[in-house]
Amino acid sequence: MDTQMEKRLRELAERSWSRGIPCYTDFLDLSEQTILTRIRSSLPQQEIFLFGGAEGCERVIAGFGVTAEEKEFFPLACLRISPLGAKFAGDMSHRDVLGSLMSLGFERSLLGDIILREKEAWVFCAERIADFICDSLSSVRHTSVKAVRVDAPPAGELFRTRREVIQVVSERMDALVAHAFQLSRGNAQSLFSAGKVFLDGAECLRTDAEPREGQIVSVRGMGRFRYLGAESRSKKGKWNTVIERYV
């Protein structure tokens, strides 16, 4: 799979370079972004910009021959999914929304980040499937819904975080992951060898790596948090470490 993705990325980069036109991927997950980072120095020396629809998105489209000033031309759309009867609707979960969209027959690569706000969801998707979703999506779990195009997600803080303090013996990545997600140290370490831990979007294989303040730690299937550093030491010698968990 990695070989296929690498081949695809090289094809798009070469096409953009040789023809002098912008070329875009579908949405890339963190593993695929790691592949792009690894091979970037061997690609034609041109602009490559990553954009998922808003700042802070984890799933992004790579634009070859595209600058940050041209992000409005990325082939993506933003949809708002709302219940038809908000009074009787329950809160939507990420799993519910994603499952309903996937049931329409789409590959995951055509769908970007899903942002939840109480009874509504905002979804970034490939431009070419946006109208079909609006015409076809009728329910999320047991709730009747309607999907419409919007110019942008809701104003204000898009990705909400919750400040937490965790106590760790050291600021190693495996210790931080274990305490942040309530895992044993051994189970946390196994996530690294499985390629499920990422630091600022790049795969992290070193369990003893120490993140810098402000970096984002992501664990596939579990969530992500921003590391803000140790603020004090407990009486037992553990570090009181601050994180901002994405919720």
Protein backbone atom coordinates (compact mmCIF):
# COMPACT_ATOMS: atom_id res chain seq x y z
CA MET A 1 0.00 0.00 0.00
CA ASP A 2 2.83 2.37 0.86
CA THR A 3 4.40 1.63 -2.52
CA GLN A 4 1.14 2.43 -4.33
CA MET A 5 0.75 5.71 -2.48
CA GLU A 6 4.36 6.68 -3.12
CA LYS A 7 3.90 5.91 -6.82
CA ARG A 8 0.74 8.03 -6.93
CA LEU A 9 2.41 10.97 -5.21
CA ARG A 10 5.35 10.84 -7.60
CA GLU A 11 3.02 10.68 -10.61
CA LEU A 12 1.11 13.78 -9.49
CA ALA A 13 4.30 15.69 -8.72
CA GLU A 14 5.83 14.85 -12.11
CA ARG A 15 2.61 15.70 -13.97
CA SER A 16 2.36 19.07 -12.24
CA TRP A 17 6.02 19.83 -12.93
CA SER A 18 6.11 18.74 -16.58
CA ARG A 19 2.82 20.35 -17.59
CA GLY A 20 3.01 23.42 -15.40
CA ILE A 21 -0.41 22.78 -13.88
CA PRO A 22 -1.63 22.24 -10.30
CA CYS A 23 -2.38 18.63 -9.34
CA TYR A 24 -4.15 17.43 -6.23
CA THR A 25 -4.39 14.24 -4.21
CA ASP A 26 -7.49 13.03 -2.43
CA PHE A 27 -7.48 13.45 1.36
CA LEU A 28 -4.34 12.01 2.93
CA ASP A 29 -4.30 10.46 6.39
CA LEU A 30 -1.29 10.83 8.68
CA SER A 31 0.45 7.71 7.36
CA GLU A 32 0.15 8.97 3.80
CA GLN A 33 1.38 12.41 4.82
CA THR A 34 4.41 10.69 6.35
CA ILE A 35 5.15 9.06 2.99
CA LEU A 36 4.99 12.46 1.29
CA THR A 37 7.35 13.92 3.88
CA ARG A 38 9.79 11.05 3.37
CA ILE A 39 9.98 11.36 -0.43
CA ARG A 40 9.57 15.12 -0.72
CA SER A 41 13.27 15.86 -1.24
CA SER A 42 13.32 13.52 -4.25
CA LEU A 43 10.32 15.14 -5.95
CA PRO A 44 10.57 18.02 -8.44
CA GLN A 45 11.44 21.23 -6.61
CA GLN A 46 8.10 23.01 -6.68
CA GLU A 47 5.58 24.31 -4.19
CA ILE A 48 3.59 21.66 -2.32
CA PHE A 49 0.83 22.92 -0.04
CA LEU A 50 -1.32 20.83 2.30
CA PHE A 51 -4.86 21.95 3.10
CA GLY A 52 -7.88 20.20 4.57
CA GLY A 53 -10.45 23.00 4.45
CA ALA A 54 -9.44 24.86 7.62
CA GLU A 55 -6.40 25.35 9.80
CA GLY A 56 -5.88 22.42 12.15
CA CYS A 57 -7.43 19.71 9.96
CA GLU A 58 -5.75 16.34 10.35
CA ARG A 59 -6.78 14.94 6.97
CA VAL A 60 -5.46 17.11 4.14
CA ILE A 61 -5.19 17.31 0.37
CA ALA A 62 -1.72 17.83 -1.11
CA GLY A 63 -1.57 20.39 -3.90
CA PHE A 64 1.46 20.12 -6.19
CA GLY A 65 2.46 23.38 -7.83
CA VAL A 66 0.11 25.21 -5.44
CA THR A 67 0.90 27.97 -2.94
CA ALA A 68 -0.84 28.88 0.30
CA GLU A 69 -2.42 31.88 -1.44
CA GLU A 70 -4.21 29.49 -3.83
CA LYS A 71 -5.90 27.29 -1.23
CA GLU A 72 -9.32 28.57 -2.34
CA PHE A 73 -8.86 26.53 -5.52
CA PHE A 74 -8.49 23.20 -3.71
CA PRO A 75 -11.09 20.70 -4.99
CA LEU A 76 -12.94 20.35 -1.70
CA ALA A 77 -16.26 21.43 -0.26
CA CYS A 78 -17.65 22.06 3.21
CA LEU A 79 -21.04 20.60 4.12
CA ARG A 80 -23.27 21.22 7.11
CA ILE A 81 -25.31 18.23 8.28
CA SER A 82 -28.31 19.21 10.42
CA PRO A 83 -31.24 17.25 11.86
CA LEU A 84 -34.63 17.95 10.29
CA GLY A 85 -36.18 18.08 13.75
CA ALA A 86 -33.55 19.46 16.11
CA LYS A 87 -35.86 19.33 19.13
CA PHE A 88 -35.99 15.53 19.15
CA ALA A 89 -32.55 14.81 17.67
CA GLY A 90 -29.67 13.38 19.66
CA ASP A 91 -26.08 14.48 19.49
CA MET A 92 -24.13 13.08 16.55
CA SER A 93 -20.94 11.10 17.03
CA HIS A 94 -17.98 11.05 14.66
CA ARG A 95 -18.55 7.33 14.09
CA ASP A 96 -22.23 7.87 13.27
CA VAL A 97 -21.56 10.60 10.70
CA LEU A 98 -18.65 8.79 9.07
CA GLY A 99 -20.60 5.55 8.91
CA SER A 100 -23.56 7.22 7.22
CA LEU A 101 -21.33 8.88 4.65
CA MET A 102 -19.39 5.69 3.93
CA SER A 103 -22.66 3.81 3.47
CA LEU A 104 -23.25 5.97 0.38
CA GLY A 105 -20.39 4.09 -1.27
CA PHE A 106 -17.46 6.49 -0.89
CA GLU A 107 -13.83 5.68 -0.26
CA ARG A 108 -12.47 7.20 2.97
CA SER A 109 -9.99 9.20 0.90
CA LEU A 110 -12.84 11.36 -0.43
CA LEU A 111 -13.77 12.54 3.07
CA GLY A 112 -11.79 14.92 5.23
CA ASP A 113 -12.24 16.01 8.82
CA ILE A 114 -15.63 15.86 10.55
CA ILE A 115 -16.33 18.61 13.09
CA LEU A 116 -19.13 18.07 15.60
CA ARG A 117 -21.07 20.82 17.35
CA GLU A 118 -23.86 19.43 19.50
CA LYS A 119 -26.60 18.35 17.08
CA GLU A 120 -24.83 19.39 13.86
CA ALA A 121 -21.75 18.29 11.93
CA TRP A 122 -19.52 20.01 9.40
CA VAL A 123 -17.77 17.77 6.90
CA PHE A 124 -15.01 18.47 4.41
CA CYS A 125 -15.23 16.32 1.31
CA ALA A 126 -13.96 16.11 -2.25
CA GLU A 127 -15.74 18.62 -4.47
CA ARG A 128 -16.84 15.92 -6.89
CA ILE A 129 -19.03 14.13 -4.33
CA ALA A 130 -20.49 17.14 -2.53
CA ASP A 131 -23.70 17.40 -4.56
CA PHE A 132 -24.31 13.67 -4.34
CA ILE A 133 -24.06 13.78 -0.54
CA CYS A 134 -26.50 16.70 -0.40
CA ASP A 135 -28.97 14.79 -2.60
CA SER A 136 -28.54 11.36 -1.00
CA LEU A 137 -27.79 11.67 2.71
CA SER A 138 -31.09 11.38 4.56
CA SER A 139 -30.18 10.07 8.00
CA VAL A 140 -27.40 9.71 10.54
CA ARG A 141 -28.09 6.69 12.70
CA HIS A 142 -31.77 7.14 13.67
CA THR A 143 -31.96 10.88 12.98
CA SER A 144 -33.32 12.34 9.75
CA VAL A 145 -30.88 14.96 8.44
CA LYS A 146 -30.21 17.35 5.62
CA ALA A 147 -26.80 18.16 4.14
CA VAL A 148 -26.15 21.53 2.49
CA ARG A 149 -23.12 23.28 1.10
CA VAL A 150 -21.67 26.12 3.15
CA ASP A 151 -18.87 28.55 2.41
CA ALA A 152 -16.99 27.73 5.60
CA PRO A 153 -17.34 25.88 8.92
CA PRO A 154 -18.75 27.80 11.93
CA ALA A 155 -16.88 30.89 13.02
CA GLY A 156 -14.82 30.89 16.17
CA GLU A 157 -12.83 28.03 17.63
CA LEU A 158 -13.14 25.15 15.20
CA PHE A 159 -11.23 22.38 16.94
CA ARG A 160 -11.95 22.57 20.65
CA THR A 161 -9.43 21.46 23.25
CA ARG A 162 -9.55 20.68 26.95
CA ARG A 163 -6.59 21.48 29.20
CA GLU A 164 -5.42 18.54 31.29
CA VAL A 165 -2.52 17.82 33.61
CA ILE A 166 -1.04 14.31 33.57
CA GLN A 167 1.72 12.98 35.80
CA VAL A 168 4.58 11.17 34.07
CA VAL A 169 7.96 9.87 35.22
CA SER A 170 9.57 11.32 32.09
CA GLU A 171 8.47 13.33 29.06
CA ARG A 172 9.11 10.46 26.68
CA MET A 173 6.51 9.87 24.01
CA ASP A 174 5.55 6.42 25.30
CA ALA A 175 4.92 7.78 28.79
CA LEU A 176 2.83 10.67 27.47
CA VAL A 177 0.76 8.40 25.21
CA ALA A 178 0.22 5.86 27.99
CA HIS A 179 -1.05 8.42 30.49
CA ALA A 180 -3.01 10.52 28.01
CA PHE A 181 -4.99 7.51 26.77
CA GLN A 182 -4.95 5.47 29.99
CA LEU A 183 -2.85 2.60 28.63
CA SER A 184 -0.18 0.42 30.14
CA ARG A 185 3.36 1.38 29.16
CA GLY A 186 3.65 -1.85 27.18
CA ASN A 187 0.43 -1.28 25.24
CA ALA A 188 1.49 2.28 24.51
CA GLN A 189 4.87 1.12 23.19
CA SER A 190 3.21 -1.38 20.87
CA LEU A 191 1.41 1.50 19.13
CA PHE A 192 4.74 2.93 17.98
CA SER A 193 5.90 -0.27 16.29
CA ALA A 194 2.44 -0.56 14.68
CA GLY A 195 2.88 2.87 13.06
CA LYS A 196 -0.06 4.43 14.89
CA VAL A 197 1.71 7.32 16.64
CA PHE A 198 2.41 10.62 14.91
CA LEU A 199 4.19 13.78 15.98
CA ASP A 200 3.15 16.91 14.09
CA GLY A 201 1.79 14.72 11.31
CA ALA A 202 4.93 12.58 10.89
CA GLU A 203 5.09 8.96 11.99
CA CYS A 204 6.97 8.54 15.25
CA LEU A 205 8.69 5.19 15.85
CA ARG A 206 10.92 6.24 18.76
CA THR A 207 9.28 5.57 22.11
CA ASP A 208 11.96 7.67 23.82
CA ALA A 209 11.42 10.77 21.66
CA GLU A 210 10.58 13.92 23.63
CA PRO A 211 8.18 16.35 21.95
CA ARG A 212 8.74 20.07 21.92
CA GLU A 213 6.21 22.45 23.42
CA GLY A 214 3.37 23.10 21.01
CA GLN A 215 3.75 19.88 19.01
CA ILE A 216 0.70 17.71 18.35
CA VAL A 217 0.71 14.03 19.27
CA SER A 218 -1.81 11.91 17.36
CA VAL A 219 -2.66 8.25 17.95
CA ARG A 220 -4.70 6.64 15.22
CA GLY A 221 -8.10 5.55 16.49
CA MET A 222 -7.67 7.24 19.88
CA GLY A 223 -7.34 10.98 19.36
CA ARG A 224 -4.74 13.71 19.59
CA PHE A 225 -3.40 16.30 21.97
CA ARG A 226 -1.08 19.29 21.96
CA TYR A 227 1.91 18.97 24.28
CA LEU A 228 2.51 22.10 26.36
CA GLY A 229 5.38 20.94 28.57
CA ALA A 230 5.97 20.22 32.26
CA GLU A 231 4.85 22.92 34.66
CA SER A 232 6.04 21.45 37.98
CA ARG A 233 7.23 18.34 39.78
CA SER A 234 5.21 16.35 42.29
CA LYS A 235 6.42 15.33 45.73
CA LYS A 236 7.08 11.85 44.35
CA GLY A 237 9.28 13.25 41.61
CA LYS A 238 6.84 12.93 38.71
CA TRP A 239 6.38 15.69 36.15
CA ASN A 240 3.04 17.51 36.11
CA THR A 241 2.73 17.78 32.37
CA VAL A 242 0.15 19.92 30.57
CA ILE A 243 -1.65 18.80 27.42
CA GLU A 244 -4.54 20.21 25.40
CA ARG A 245 -6.74 17.33 24.34
CA TYR A 246 -8.80 17.75 21.15
CA VAL A 247 -12.44 17.05 21.98
